Amino acid sequence: MIQRWSQIFGFVSRSSGVPPVDDWIVQDRAVDECRPLRVVVIGSGVSGIISSIRLRQRIRNLSLCVYEKNADIGGTWLENRYPGCACDIPAHTYQASFEPNKEWSTFYAAAPEIHRYWKRVAEKYGCLEHIKLKQQVIEATWDDASSEWKLQVRDLASGSTYQDRCDVLISATGALNEWKWPNIPGLHSFNGKLMHSANWDESYDYSNQRVAVIGNGSSGIQIVPGLLPKVAHIDHYIRGRTWLAPTLARNELDKRGAELENFSFSAEEIATFKTDHNAYQKFRKEIELELQSIHGTTLLGTPEQLSSQSAFAQNMKRRLRRKPELLENLLPSFPPACRRLTPGPGYLEALTDDKVHVISSEIVQVDSDGIITADGIHHPADVLVCATGFNTTFIPRFPITGRNGLSLAHRWEKTPENYLSLAVDGFPNYFVSLGPNAALGEGNLLLLIEKSIDYFTCCLQKMQRDNIRSMCVRKEAVEQFTRHCDQYFSRTVFSSSCRSWYKGGRDNGRVTALWPGSSLHAMKVLAHPRWEDYTYDYIDGNANGWIGDGWTVNEKNKVINVDYLDEDQMDFPPVVCATAFSHN
């Protein structure tokens, strides 16, 4: 009975249970000894950089390796370099909480500036010595006998492959990192310049060219105004209607002129931020407060949600007033936030430019010199830009095999079920940053990334503290989280009928991309892991091994500390009666 209850609550090994009474269970280790852990992180984007910083800060006796397939760090901010590429939330909220940047040049920072920021962060905190560039993990297999992940890695410079191993594997590759061409007949018969937003040729000069831009998702919304100043003409092909969000910091916009959606910070403002910490904190917190105050707009039937549609429509009407006839073809029937929201600085204004032609007729074919639409019209083009997005299935890009030969691709074939966006049953010692159900429909994604990585460090600390070989989330916990998500999203705008990558590019699929709540909600959920939602295997099958052999590490090293008597180490309770122990 003791063994059964212990297994139910995850306090002993999945395989060994309570050792027989004649087995020696006093482990030859100090009670606070941290067993060595080798951790491999896949990817050196934002998640990989923060992982590298926090793991080395908090995990003792750590061997860390970060594999990066690109020639530089930065992830999406290295790879996406199309004209107009920028963050679609304010720059002062898109930064590490512990490393504020007081020198952002614009309200919505462009990709090169964001990349420079994260490169500085990585250099400042010594990440680069642990990152191996042009090294691509091509296979990961869990070995139950050794409680290790066996890795196959390809050196992209030489083409050779080699093996590695680790105790813990962290995927930090992100969800939107595998771009794809759209399925359009004749696409590759086009004789002009064919480009994808995620594979932009920066050497190509598109000046005075006739450009076709396919897609009005986040990338297309940025590319059109980014291209406009240099090109001769843009045909913008819009498959679906979409909402453009009102810009945050309306007060700041009004100061600078209502037409300016993405304002630049003056040299005087940047100097003030650098010298006056209070002024900077005030500005930063005002923006953060706005960002964190719109969760109600995502819940069906709330006053915020009901009023948002009118507010969004009025904003779009104002920005399209030079060509008001465009509004009717752009306004969706679904509520705001059903698809990813973006303020799209300059996008609606660009659509009113005489050089831009908005085409809503379906594309039926591409030929050597242009596009043919369903209405029979041939639209000539010199450049064809596919702003058509990424593979959004969450299926891993290389084979990942867990316990008992279970393939993660097979496990997620029907739906990417997981636990709190960061763990999967059957895959011990495997954690995912920005996995399924990790994105946000509103709020601050950087905070969620940081809190996920904090969660990982808590798990690694527990493995060291409790002498654990492997930990794996329970299947029941995954099933409950899946059920929770489905019930939660049924009451949100995300479940409305709209084609969105939140639902794998379908109109009415499961919401598999988003966190079931606000970013503030995620911070609370991830702050304290529920250890009962995991099962554990212990070193030598000894669940008692964590107690050790009666020593602490310092005692073994002949260092005796009594600093627990230092007043700054004490947790003093509030005094109720100050005279209770007064002396005459």
Protein backbone atom coordinates (compact mmCIF):
# COMPACT_ATOMS: atom_id res chain seq x y z
CA MET A 1 0.00 0.00 0.00
CA ILE A 2 2.85 2.43 0.85
CA GLN A 3 4.46 1.69 -2.49
CA ARG A 4 1.19 2.21 -4.35
CA TRP A 5 0.43 5.57 -2.72
CA SER A 6 4.01 6.73 -3.24
CA GLN A 7 3.81 5.94 -6.95
CA ILE A 8 0.48 7.73 -7.27
CA PHE A 9 1.91 10.95 -5.84
CA GLY A 10 5.22 10.70 -7.67
CA PHE A 11 7.47 10.50 -4.63
CA VAL A 12 9.45 7.41 -5.67
CA SER A 13 10.95 5.91 -8.79
CA ARG A 14 8.59 4.93 -11.56
CA SER A 15 10.36 1.60 -11.76
CA SER A 16 11.85 0.74 -8.39
CA GLY A 17 9.41 1.72 -5.63
CA VAL A 18 10.57 1.48 -2.01
CA PRO A 19 13.85 -0.48 -1.62
CA PRO A 20 13.67 -3.68 0.44
CA VAL A 21 14.40 -3.18 4.12
CA ASP A 22 17.77 -4.95 3.89
CA ASP A 23 19.05 -2.63 1.11
CA TRP A 24 21.52 0.08 2.12
CA ILE A 25 19.83 3.45 1.43
CA VAL A 26 22.31 5.91 2.97
CA GLN A 27 23.76 7.53 -0.15
CA ASP A 28 27.39 8.68 -0.10
CA ARG A 29 26.61 12.29 -0.87
CA ALA A 30 26.20 15.47 1.12
CA VAL A 31 22.60 16.54 1.56
CA ASP A 32 23.18 19.75 -0.42
CA GLU A 33 25.47 18.22 -3.03
CA CYS A 34 24.43 19.04 -6.61
CA ARG A 35 24.98 16.17 -8.98
CA PRO A 36 26.52 17.17 -12.33
CA LEU A 37 24.07 17.92 -15.12
CA ARG A 38 24.79 18.30 -18.80
CA VAL A 39 22.14 20.41 -20.51
CA VAL A 40 21.78 20.97 -24.25
CA VAL A 41 19.69 23.86 -25.55
CA ILE A 42 18.63 23.79 -29.21
CA GLY A 43 18.53 27.31 -30.66
CA SER A 44 20.06 30.65 -29.73
CA GLY A 45 17.16 33.00 -30.28
CA VAL A 46 15.61 34.89 -27.39
CA SER A 47 14.70 31.69 -25.50
CA GLY A 48 18.15 30.20 -26.02
CA ILE A 49 19.92 33.35 -24.85
CA ILE A 50 17.82 33.70 -21.70
CA SER A 51 18.23 29.96 -21.01
CA SER A 52 21.98 30.30 -21.26
CA ILE A 53 21.97 33.21 -18.81
CA ARG A 54 19.60 31.78 -16.20
CA LEU A 55 20.87 28.19 -16.23
CA ARG A 56 24.46 29.25 -15.63
CA GLN A 57 23.33 31.70 -12.96
CA ARG A 58 21.21 29.25 -10.97
CA ILE A 59 22.37 25.69 -11.66
CA ARG A 60 25.56 24.56 -9.96
CA ASN A 61 27.79 21.84 -11.40
CA LEU A 62 26.42 22.53 -14.88
CA SER A 63 27.80 21.65 -18.30
CA LEU A 64 25.93 23.70 -20.90
CA CYS A 65 25.92 23.58 -24.69
CA VAL A 66 23.71 25.60 -27.04
CA TYR A 67 23.51 24.34 -30.62
CA GLU A 68 22.63 26.90 -33.29
CA LYS A 69 22.15 26.02 -36.97
CA ASN A 70 22.70 29.61 -38.18
CA ALA A 71 25.98 31.47 -38.52
CA ASP A 72 24.96 33.92 -35.78
CA ILE A 73 22.64 34.10 -32.80
CA GLY A 74 19.31 35.89 -32.74
CA GLY A 75 16.79 33.42 -34.17
CA THR A 76 13.88 35.18 -35.84
CA TRP A 77 15.61 38.57 -35.61
CA LEU A 78 18.55 37.21 -37.56
CA GLU A 79 16.52 35.29 -40.14
CA ASN A 80 13.77 37.80 -40.92
CA ARG A 81 15.22 40.82 -42.71
CA TYR A 82 12.51 41.84 -45.13
CA PRO A 83 11.84 45.58 -45.59
CA GLY A 84 9.78 46.88 -42.68
CA CYS A 85 10.50 43.88 -40.41
CA ALA A 86 9.95 45.07 -36.85
CA CYS A 87 8.51 44.03 -33.53
CA ASP A 88 4.74 44.53 -33.42
CA ILE A 89 4.70 45.32 -29.71
CA PRO A 90 6.50 48.35 -28.24
CA ALA A 91 10.26 47.92 -28.01
CA HIS A 92 10.37 48.90 -24.34
CA THR A 93 8.31 45.80 -23.52
CA TYR A 94 10.19 43.50 -25.92
CA GLN A 95 13.36 43.15 -23.89
CA ALA A 96 14.74 41.11 -21.02
CA SER A 97 13.27 42.29 -17.73
CA PHE A 98 16.75 42.32 -16.19
CA GLU A 99 18.40 44.18 -19.09
CA PRO A 100 16.35 47.25 -20.04
CA ASN A 101 17.47 49.13 -23.12
CA LYS A 102 17.12 52.88 -22.76
CA GLU A 103 18.30 53.60 -26.29
CA TRP A 104 15.57 52.18 -28.55
CA SER A 105 15.42 54.52 -31.52
CA THR A 106 11.74 53.92 -32.38
CA PHE A 107 8.56 52.86 -30.60
CA TYR A 108 8.37 49.66 -32.70
CA ALA A 109 12.00 48.66 -33.14
CA ALA A 110 13.19 47.26 -36.49
CA ALA A 111 14.71 43.79 -36.78
CA PRO A 112 18.38 44.91 -37.09
CA GLU A 113 18.12 47.00 -33.92
CA ILE A 114 16.46 44.16 -32.01
CA HIS A 115 19.16 41.76 -33.20
CA ARG A 116 21.88 44.15 -32.01
CA TYR A 117 20.20 44.36 -28.60
CA TRP A 118 20.11 40.57 -28.09
CA LYS A 119 23.68 40.24 -29.41
CA ARG A 120 24.79 42.74 -26.74
CA VAL A 121 22.85 40.84 -24.07
CA ALA A 122 24.48 37.55 -25.10
CA GLU A 123 27.94 39.13 -25.05
CA LYS A 124 27.40 40.92 -21.73
CA TYR A 125 26.38 37.74 -19.93
CA GLY A 126 29.00 35.47 -21.46
CA CYS A 127 26.64 33.33 -23.54
CA LEU A 128 28.74 33.14 -26.69
CA GLU A 129 31.35 30.79 -25.27
CA HIS A 130 28.65 28.17 -24.76
CA ILE A 131 26.99 28.57 -28.19
CA LYS A 132 28.15 26.43 -31.10
CA LEU A 133 27.23 28.04 -34.43
CA LYS A 134 26.45 26.22 -37.68
CA GLN A 135 25.70 23.08 -35.66
CA GLN A 136 22.30 21.52 -36.30
CA VAL A 137 20.71 18.86 -34.09
CA ILE A 138 19.22 16.34 -36.52
CA GLU A 139 18.07 13.61 -34.13
CA ALA A 140 17.39 13.16 -30.41
CA THR A 141 16.65 9.81 -28.75
CA TRP A 142 15.95 9.12 -25.09
CA ASP A 143 17.93 6.24 -23.55
CA ASP A 144 16.06 4.86 -20.53
CA ALA A 145 18.99 2.74 -19.39
CA SER A 146 21.30 5.73 -18.90
CA SER A 147 18.56 8.38 -18.45
CA GLU A 148 20.20 10.47 -21.15
CA TRP A 149 19.32 12.05 -24.46
CA LYS A 150 21.48 10.75 -27.32
CA LEU A 151 21.94 13.42 -29.99
CA GLN A 152 23.04 13.43 -33.60
CA VAL A 153 24.52 16.78 -34.62
CA ARG A 154 25.51 17.96 -38.09
CA ASP A 155 28.38 20.40 -38.59
CA LEU A 156 26.95 22.55 -41.37
CA ALA A 157 30.37 23.92 -42.28
CA SER A 158 31.92 20.52 -42.99
CA GLY A 159 28.82 18.39 -43.52
CA SER A 160 30.05 15.82 -41.01
CA THR A 161 27.90 14.43 -38.19
CA TYR A 162 28.82 13.53 -34.64
CA GLN A 163 27.18 12.33 -31.44
CA ASP A 164 26.52 14.08 -28.16
CA ARG A 165 24.59 13.29 -25.00
CA CYS A 166 22.91 15.25 -22.25
CA ASP A 167 20.89 14.73 -19.09
CA VAL A 168 18.36 17.43 -20.02
CA LEU A 169 17.29 18.63 -23.46
CA ILE A 170 15.65 22.04 -23.95
CA SER A 171 14.05 22.99 -27.26
CA ALA A 172 14.34 26.73 -27.86
CA THR A 173 13.75 26.70 -31.61
CA GLY A 174 10.45 28.60 -31.47
CA ALA A 175 7.24 27.80 -33.30
CA LEU A 176 7.58 29.95 -36.44
CA ASN A 177 10.93 28.95 -37.86
CA GLU A 178 10.11 26.73 -40.86
CA TRP A 179 8.92 28.87 -43.75
CA LYS A 180 7.19 27.39 -46.75
CA TRP A 181 6.16 28.38 -50.26
CA PRO A 182 2.42 28.73 -50.84
CA ASN A 183 0.71 26.05 -52.92
CA ILE A 184 0.02 28.16 -56.02
CA PRO A 185 0.12 26.54 -59.48
CA GLY A 186 3.05 27.75 -61.55
CA LEU A 187 4.72 29.63 -58.69
CA HIS A 188 8.22 28.49 -59.61
CA SER A 189 7.71 29.20 -63.30
CA PHE A 190 7.92 32.91 -62.50
CA ASN A 191 10.92 34.40 -64.29
CA GLY A 192 11.16 37.53 -62.17
CA LYS A 193 12.54 37.73 -58.65
CA LEU A 194 10.72 35.30 -56.32
CA MET A 195 11.19 35.86 -52.58
CA HIS A 196 9.68 34.67 -49.32
CA SER A 197 9.41 37.06 -46.38
CA ALA A 198 11.44 34.65 -44.21
CA ASN A 199 14.18 34.15 -46.83
CA TRP A 200 14.75 37.68 -48.04
CA ASP A 201 17.56 38.46 -50.46
CA GLU A 202 19.01 41.66 -49.00
CA SER A 203 21.34 42.07 -51.97
CA TYR A 204 18.47 42.47 -54.44
CA ASP A 205 17.59 46.01 -55.52
CA TYR A 206 13.82 46.27 -55.94
CA SER A 207 13.90 50.01 -56.71
CA ASN A 208 11.41 51.08 -59.40
CA GLN A 209 10.14 47.52 -59.75
CA ARG A 210 6.55 46.36 -60.08
CA VAL A 211 6.02 44.18 -57.00
CA ALA A 212 3.33 41.64 -56.08
CA VAL A 213 2.94 40.99 -52.34
CA ILE A 214 0.88 37.91 -51.46
CA GLY A 215 -0.53 37.80 -47.94
CA ASN A 216 -1.77 40.22 -45.30
CA GLY A 217 -0.59 38.49 -42.15
CA SER A 218 1.96 40.08 -39.82
CA SER A 219 4.78 39.96 -42.42
CA GLY A 220 2.70 41.27 -45.33
CA ILE A 221 1.40 44.11 -43.17
CA GLN A 222 4.98 45.22 -42.56
CA ILE A 223 6.36 44.55 -46.04
CA VAL A 224 3.92 46.74 -47.99
CA PRO A 225 4.85 50.04 -46.26
CA GLY A 226 8.48 48.88 -46.11
CA LEU A 227 8.68 48.47 -49.89
CA LEU A 228 6.50 51.41 -50.89
CA PRO A 229 9.02 54.28 -50.91
CA LYS A 230 11.30 52.59 -53.48
CA VAL A 231 9.04 50.62 -55.81
CA ALA A 232 7.09 51.74 -58.85
CA HIS A 233 3.92 49.82 -58.00
CA ILE A 234 2.57 47.22 -55.55
CA ASP A 235 -0.19 44.71 -56.20
CA HIS A 236 -1.24 43.52 -52.75
CA TYR A 237 -3.11 40.22 -52.75
CA ILE A 238 -5.36 39.82 -49.72
CA ARG A 239 -6.82 36.39 -49.07
CA GLY A 240 -8.75 37.25 -45.93
CA ARG A 241 -9.93 40.26 -44.00
CA THR A 242 -8.07 41.29 -40.88
CA TRP A 243 -8.23 43.75 -38.01
CA LEU A 244 -5.51 46.34 -37.50
CA ALA A 245 -5.09 47.22 -33.85
CA PRO A 246 -5.06 50.77 -32.53
CA THR A 247 -1.55 51.75 -31.54
CA LEU A 248 -0.62 51.72 -27.88
CA ALA A 249 0.62 54.88 -26.16
CA ARG A 250 -2.01 57.10 -27.73
CA ASN A 251 -0.93 59.98 -25.49
CA GLU A 252 2.59 59.76 -26.83
CA LEU A 253 1.28 59.67 -30.40
CA ASP A 254 -0.85 62.74 -29.83
CA LYS A 255 2.19 64.64 -28.59
CA ARG A 256 3.98 63.89 -31.83
CA GLY A 257 1.05 64.20 -34.25
CA ALA A 258 -1.81 61.74 -34.69
CA GLU A 259 -0.62 60.58 -38.14
CA LEU A 260 2.60 59.14 -36.77
CA GLU A 261 1.98 55.50 -35.81
CA ASN A 262 5.61 54.52 -35.16
CA PHE A 263 7.42 57.49 -33.72
CA SER A 264 11.15 57.91 -33.24
CA PHE A 265 12.68 58.92 -29.95
CA SER A 266 14.65 62.14 -30.10
CA ALA A 267 18.24 62.33 -28.93
CA GLU A 268 17.03 64.43 -25.99
CA GLU A 269 14.47 61.77 -24.95
CA ILE A 270 17.05 58.99 -25.13
CA ALA A 271 19.50 61.10 -23.11
CA THR A 272 16.79 61.68 -20.49
CA PHE A 273 16.04 57.95 -20.27
CA LYS A 274 19.76 57.23 -19.79
CA THR A 275 20.29 59.84 -17.08
CA ASP A 276 16.91 59.94 -15.35
CA HIS A 277 16.02 56.43 -14.21
CA ASN A 278 12.68 57.52 -12.77
CA ALA A 279 11.61 59.09 -16.07
CA TYR A 280 12.55 55.93 -17.93
CA GLN A 281 10.74 53.68 -15.44
CA LYS A 282 7.64 55.85 -15.61
CA PHE A 283 7.51 55.60 -19.42
CA ARG A 284 8.29 51.88 -19.45
CA LYS A 285 5.65 51.05 -16.85
CA GLU A 286 3.00 53.14 -18.59
CA ILE A 287 3.52 51.16 -21.80
CA GLU A 288 3.57 47.85 -19.90
CA LEU A 289 0.37 48.78 -18.08
CA GLU A 290 -1.42 49.42 -21.38
CA LEU A 291 -0.12 46.16 -22.83
CA GLN A 292 -1.30 44.17 -19.81
CA SER A 293 -4.74 45.80 -19.59
CA ILE A 294 -6.48 44.42 -22.68
CA HIS A 295 -7.05 40.78 -21.73
CA GLY A 296 -10.79 41.41 -21.39
CA THR A 297 -11.06 42.07 -25.14
CA THR A 298 -10.35 38.37 -25.79
CA LEU A 299 -13.24 37.03 -23.68
CA LEU A 300 -16.59 36.77 -25.44
CA GLY A 301 -19.32 38.99 -24.07
CA THR A 302 -17.23 41.22 -21.81
CA PRO A 303 -17.75 45.00 -22.07
CA GLU A 304 -14.17 45.33 -23.36
CA GLN A 305 -14.76 42.74 -26.07
CA LEU A 306 -18.10 44.16 -27.13
CA SER A 307 -16.73 47.68 -27.44
CA SER A 308 -13.46 46.70 -29.13
CA GLN A 309 -15.01 46.01 -32.52
CA SER A 310 -16.34 49.54 -32.82
CA ALA A 311 -13.05 51.03 -31.59
CA PHE A 312 -11.03 48.98 -34.06
CA ALA A 313 -13.36 49.86 -36.93
CA GLN A 314 -13.13 53.58 -36.16
CA ASN A 315 -9.34 53.36 -36.03
CA MET A 316 -9.22 51.65 -39.43
CA LYS A 317 -11.71 54.11 -40.89
CA ARG A 318 -9.57 57.03 -39.74
CA ARG A 319 -6.42 55.57 -41.24
CA LEU A 320 -8.13 54.70 -44.57
CA ARG A 321 -9.91 58.01 -45.04
CA ARG A 322 -8.03 58.79 -48.28
CA LYS A 323 -9.63 55.68 -49.83
CA PRO A 324 -12.70 54.94 -47.69
CA GLU A 325 -13.92 52.36 -50.20
CA LEU A 326 -11.16 49.99 -48.99
CA LEU A 327 -12.72 49.68 -45.55
CA GLU A 328 -15.61 47.51 -46.71
CA ASN A 329 -13.23 44.93 -48.22
CA LEU A 330 -10.95 44.85 -45.17
CA LEU A 331 -13.31 44.76 -42.17
CA PRO A 332 -13.76 41.18 -40.92
CA SER A 333 -16.97 39.63 -39.64
CA PHE A 334 -15.10 37.86 -36.82
CA PRO A 335 -14.19 39.75 -33.63
CA PRO A 336 -10.82 41.46 -33.11
CA ALA A 337 -7.98 39.21 -31.85
CA CYS A 338 -9.42 36.04 -33.48
CA ARG A 339 -6.36 36.35 -35.72
CA ARG A 340 -3.05 37.73 -34.48
CA LEU A 341 -3.36 41.44 -33.79
CA THR A 342 -0.85 43.93 -35.09
CA PRO A 343 -1.04 47.73 -35.16
CA GLY A 344 0.74 47.67 -38.52
CA PRO A 345 2.28 51.15 -38.40
CA GLY A 346 1.92 52.71 -41.84
CA TYR A 347 0.12 49.73 -43.43
CA LEU A 348 -3.38 51.12 -43.84
CA GLU A 349 -1.92 54.46 -44.88
CA ALA A 350 0.15 52.65 -47.52
CA LEU A 351 -2.97 51.02 -48.94
CA THR A 352 -4.33 54.47 -49.72
CA ASP A 353 -1.26 55.37 -51.77
CA ASP A 354 -1.80 55.66 -55.52
CA LYS A 355 1.04 53.18 -56.13
CA VAL A 356 -0.80 50.39 -54.26
CA HIS A 357 -3.56 48.25 -55.76
CA VAL A 358 -5.43 45.97 -53.35
CA ILE A 359 -6.58 42.73 -55.03
CA SER A 360 -9.04 40.43 -53.26
CA SER A 361 -9.77 38.13 -56.20
CA GLU A 362 -8.31 34.65 -55.66
CA ILE A 363 -4.97 33.77 -57.27
CA VAL A 364 -5.43 30.83 -59.65
CA GLN A 365 -2.01 30.68 -61.31
CA VAL A 366 1.41 32.26 -61.62
CA ASP A 367 3.07 32.40 -65.04
CA SER A 368 6.47 33.59 -66.22
CA ASP A 369 5.76 37.29 -65.84
CA GLY A 370 2.87 37.71 -63.43
CA ILE A 371 -0.22 36.48 -61.62
CA ILE A 372 -3.60 35.41 -62.97
CA THR A 373 -6.61 35.88 -60.68
CA ALA A 374 -10.02 34.18 -60.66
CA ASP A 375 -11.60 37.12 -62.49
CA GLY A 376 -9.40 36.29 -65.50
CA ILE A 377 -7.11 39.33 -65.16
CA HIS A 378 -3.36 38.96 -65.67
CA HIS A 379 -1.30 41.18 -63.35
CA PRO A 380 2.30 41.65 -64.55
CA ALA A 381 5.08 41.77 -61.93
CA ASP A 382 8.84 42.05 -61.77
CA VAL A 383 9.07 40.83 -58.16
CA LEU A 384 6.83 38.31 -56.41
CA VAL A 385 6.92 38.37 -52.60
CA CYS A 386 5.28 35.52 -50.66
CA ALA A 387 4.41 36.77 -47.19
CA THR A 388 2.61 33.50 -46.59
CA GLY A 389 3.90 32.38 -43.23
CA PHE A 390 5.32 29.24 -41.69
CA ASN A 391 4.65 25.64 -40.86
CA THR A 392 2.40 26.02 -37.80
CA THR A 393 1.80 22.33 -36.97
CA PHE A 394 4.36 22.19 -34.10
CA ILE A 395 5.56 18.86 -35.53
CA PRO A 396 9.31 18.74 -34.71
CA ARG A 397 11.65 19.51 -37.60
CA PHE A 398 13.82 16.47 -36.83
CA PRO A 399 13.14 13.07 -35.20
CA ILE A 400 12.67 13.22 -31.42
CA THR A 401 12.11 9.81 -29.85
CA GLY A 402 11.05 9.43 -26.24
CA ARG A 403 10.42 6.53 -23.88
CA ASN A 404 9.55 3.14 -25.43
CA GLY A 405 10.37 4.41 -28.93
CA LEU A 406 7.58 6.99 -28.96
CA SER A 407 8.01 9.57 -31.73
CA LEU A 408 7.08 13.14 -30.81
CA ALA A 409 5.85 13.64 -34.37
CA HIS A 410 3.52 10.68 -33.86
CA ARG A 411 2.51 11.87 -30.39
CA TRP A 412 1.51 15.23 -31.90
CA GLU A 413 0.14 13.87 -35.17
CA LYS A 414 -3.50 14.63 -34.27
CA THR A 415 -2.99 17.53 -31.89
CA PRO A 416 0.09 18.89 -30.04
CA GLU A 417 -0.98 17.98 -26.51
CA ASN A 418 1.35 19.11 -23.77
CA TYR A 419 1.55 20.28 -20.16
CA LEU A 420 1.62 24.03 -19.54
CA SER A 421 3.19 24.48 -23.02
CA LEU A 422 6.52 23.10 -21.83
CA ALA A 423 6.49 19.32 -21.23
CA VAL A 424 5.16 16.16 -22.92
CA ASP A 425 4.33 12.79 -21.36
CA GLY A 426 6.67 10.03 -22.50
CA PHE A 427 9.57 12.47 -22.99
CA PRO A 428 11.60 12.64 -19.74
CA ASN A 429 13.98 15.51 -19.06
CA TYR A 430 12.67 17.33 -22.14
CA PHE A 431 11.39 20.90 -21.95
CA VAL A 432 10.09 23.23 -24.66
CA SER A 433 10.19 27.02 -24.75
CA LEU A 434 7.43 28.53 -26.91
CA GLY A 435 5.90 25.16 -27.60
CA PRO A 436 2.22 24.49 -28.22
CA ASN A 437 -0.08 26.76 -26.17
CA ALA A 438 2.75 29.16 -25.33
CA ALA A 439 1.97 32.13 -27.57
CA LEU A 440 -0.18 35.06 -26.47
CA GLY A 441 -3.11 36.72 -28.18
CA GLU A 442 -2.32 39.82 -26.13
CA GLY A 443 0.08 40.78 -23.34
CA ASN A 444 3.84 40.43 -22.97
CA LEU A 445 5.35 37.30 -24.52
CA LEU A 446 8.84 38.06 -23.20
CA LEU A 447 7.60 37.63 -19.64
CA LEU A 448 6.14 34.23 -20.51
CA ILE A 449 9.46 33.16 -22.04
CA GLU A 450 11.34 34.25 -18.93
CA LYS A 451 8.90 32.49 -16.61
CA SER A 452 9.09 29.29 -18.66
CA ILE A 453 12.86 29.31 -18.32
CA ASP A 454 12.54 30.03 -14.59
CA TYR A 455 10.34 26.90 -14.47
CA PHE A 456 13.04 24.86 -16.22
CA THR A 457 15.64 26.00 -13.69
CA CYS A 458 13.32 24.96 -10.84
CA CYS A 459 13.07 21.49 -12.38
CA LEU A 460 16.83 21.17 -12.75
CA GLN A 461 17.35 22.36 -9.17
CA LYS A 462 14.90 19.70 -7.97
CA MET A 463 16.72 17.03 -9.96
CA GLN A 464 19.97 17.99 -8.26
CA ARG A 465 18.48 18.50 -4.79
CA ASP A 466 16.46 15.26 -4.76
CA ASN A 467 19.07 13.12 -6.58
CA ILE A 468 16.70 12.49 -9.51
CA ARG A 469 17.86 10.80 -12.71
CA SER A 470 14.80 11.73 -14.74
CA MET A 471 11.43 13.39 -14.36
CA CYS A 472 8.49 13.09 -16.74
CA VAL A 473 5.11 14.76 -16.73
CA ARG A 474 2.16 12.46 -16.12
CA LYS A 475 -0.15 11.61 -19.01
CA GLU A 476 -3.14 12.55 -16.82
CA ALA A 477 -1.69 16.03 -16.30
CA VAL A 478 -1.31 16.49 -20.06
CA GLU A 479 -4.87 15.30 -20.68
CA GLN A 480 -6.22 17.65 -18.03
CA PHE A 481 -4.35 20.63 -19.47
CA THR A 482 -5.67 19.81 -22.96
CA ARG A 483 -9.20 19.61 -21.60
CA HIS A 484 -8.68 22.87 -19.71
CA CYS A 485 -7.49 24.66 -22.86
CA ASP A 486 -10.43 23.46 -24.92
CA GLN A 487 -12.91 24.62 -22.30
CA TYR A 488 -11.15 27.94 -21.78
CA PHE A 489 -10.92 28.83 -25.47
CA SER A 490 -14.59 28.01 -26.06
CA ARG A 491 -15.35 31.28 -24.23
CA THR A 492 -12.87 33.41 -26.15
CA VAL A 493 -12.72 35.25 -29.47
CA PHE A 494 -10.02 32.81 -30.59
CA SER A 495 -12.64 30.09 -31.09
CA SER A 496 -14.56 32.25 -33.59
CA SER A 497 -14.52 31.33 -37.26
CA CYS A 498 -11.37 32.85 -38.76
CA ARG A 499 -8.34 31.37 -40.48
CA SER A 500 -5.48 31.71 -38.02
CA TRP A 501 -2.12 30.12 -37.23
CA TYR A 502 -3.46 29.93 -33.67
CA LYS A 503 -5.56 27.04 -35.03
CA GLY A 504 -3.00 25.58 -37.40
CA GLY A 505 -4.17 27.73 -40.32
CA ARG A 506 -7.75 26.46 -40.13
CA ASP A 507 -10.99 28.37 -39.69
CA ASN A 508 -12.43 26.29 -36.88
CA GLY A 509 -9.68 24.03 -35.57
CA ARG A 510 -8.46 23.56 -32.02
CA VAL A 511 -6.60 26.53 -30.56
CA THR A 512 -3.17 24.92 -30.21
CA ALA A 513 -0.87 27.94 -30.20
CA LEU A 514 -2.12 30.15 -27.36
CA TRP A 515 -1.74 30.18 -23.61
CA PRO A 516 -5.14 29.81 -21.88
CA GLY A 517 -5.06 33.16 -20.15
CA SER A 518 -3.21 36.43 -19.91
CA SER A 519 0.55 36.80 -19.58
CA LEU A 520 0.02 37.86 -15.97
CA HIS A 521 -1.92 34.62 -15.49
CA ALA A 522 0.99 32.65 -17.03
CA MET A 523 3.43 34.29 -14.62
CA LYS A 524 1.40 33.03 -11.66
CA VAL A 525 0.89 29.53 -13.06
CA LEU A 526 4.58 28.98 -13.85
CA ALA A 527 5.89 30.49 -10.62
CA HIS A 528 5.54 27.30 -8.54
CA PRO A 529 5.79 23.91 -10.29
CA ARG A 530 3.28 21.26 -9.18
CA TRP A 531 5.70 18.44 -8.49
CA GLU A 532 2.82 15.97 -8.08
CA ASP A 533 2.17 16.28 -11.83
CA TYR A 534 5.45 14.44 -12.54
CA THR A 535 6.90 10.98 -12.00
CA TYR A 536 10.52 10.47 -11.01
CA ASP A 537 13.38 7.99 -11.39
CA TYR A 538 16.13 8.26 -8.79
CA ILE A 539 19.87 7.67 -8.84
CA ASP A 540 20.50 3.98 -8.02
CA GLY A 541 16.72 3.55 -7.71
CA ASN A 542 16.99 5.07 -4.23
CA ALA A 543 14.24 7.56 -3.44
CA ASN A 544 15.90 8.16 -0.06
CA GLY A 545 19.22 9.17 -1.60
CA TRP A 546 18.47 12.88 -1.37
CA ILE A 547 18.99 12.81 2.42
CA GLY A 548 22.65 11.92 1.88
CA ASP A 549 25.18 10.66 4.39
CA GLY A 550 24.69 13.12 7.22
CA TRP A 551 27.05 15.81 5.96
CA THR A 552 26.71 19.13 4.21
CA VAL A 553 29.14 20.10 1.43
CA ASN A 554 30.77 22.82 3.56
CA GLU A 555 31.32 20.47 6.46
CA LYS A 556 33.09 17.99 4.21
CA ASN A 557 35.32 20.85 3.05
CA LYS A 558 36.07 21.86 6.67
CA VAL A 559 34.11 25.10 6.28
CA ILE A 560 31.63 25.65 9.08
CA ASN A 561 29.20 28.53 8.66
CA VAL A 562 26.81 29.93 11.24
CA ASP A 563 25.72 32.84 9.08
CA TYR A 564 22.14 31.79 9.74
CA LEU A 565 22.54 33.96 12.84
CA ASP A 566 23.30 37.04 10.75
CA GLU A 567 20.40 39.41 11.02
CA ASP A 568 20.22 39.91 7.25
CA GLN A 569 19.66 36.15 6.92
CA MET A 570 16.77 36.06 9.39
CA ASP A 571 13.09 36.28 8.57
CA PHE A 572 11.85 38.56 11.34
CA PRO A 573 8.10 38.39 12.01
CA PRO A 574 6.18 41.63 12.53
CA VAL A 575 6.27 42.85 16.14
CA VAL A 576 2.88 43.06 17.84
CA CYS A 577 3.90 43.91 21.39
CA ALA A 578 7.25 45.67 21.57
CA THR A 579 7.40 45.58 25.38
CA ALA A 580 6.85 41.82 25.79
CA PHE A 581 10.56 41.15 26.37
CA SER A 582 11.66 44.53 27.68
CA HIS A 583 14.12 44.49 30.58
CA ASN A 584 14.32 46.73 33.59
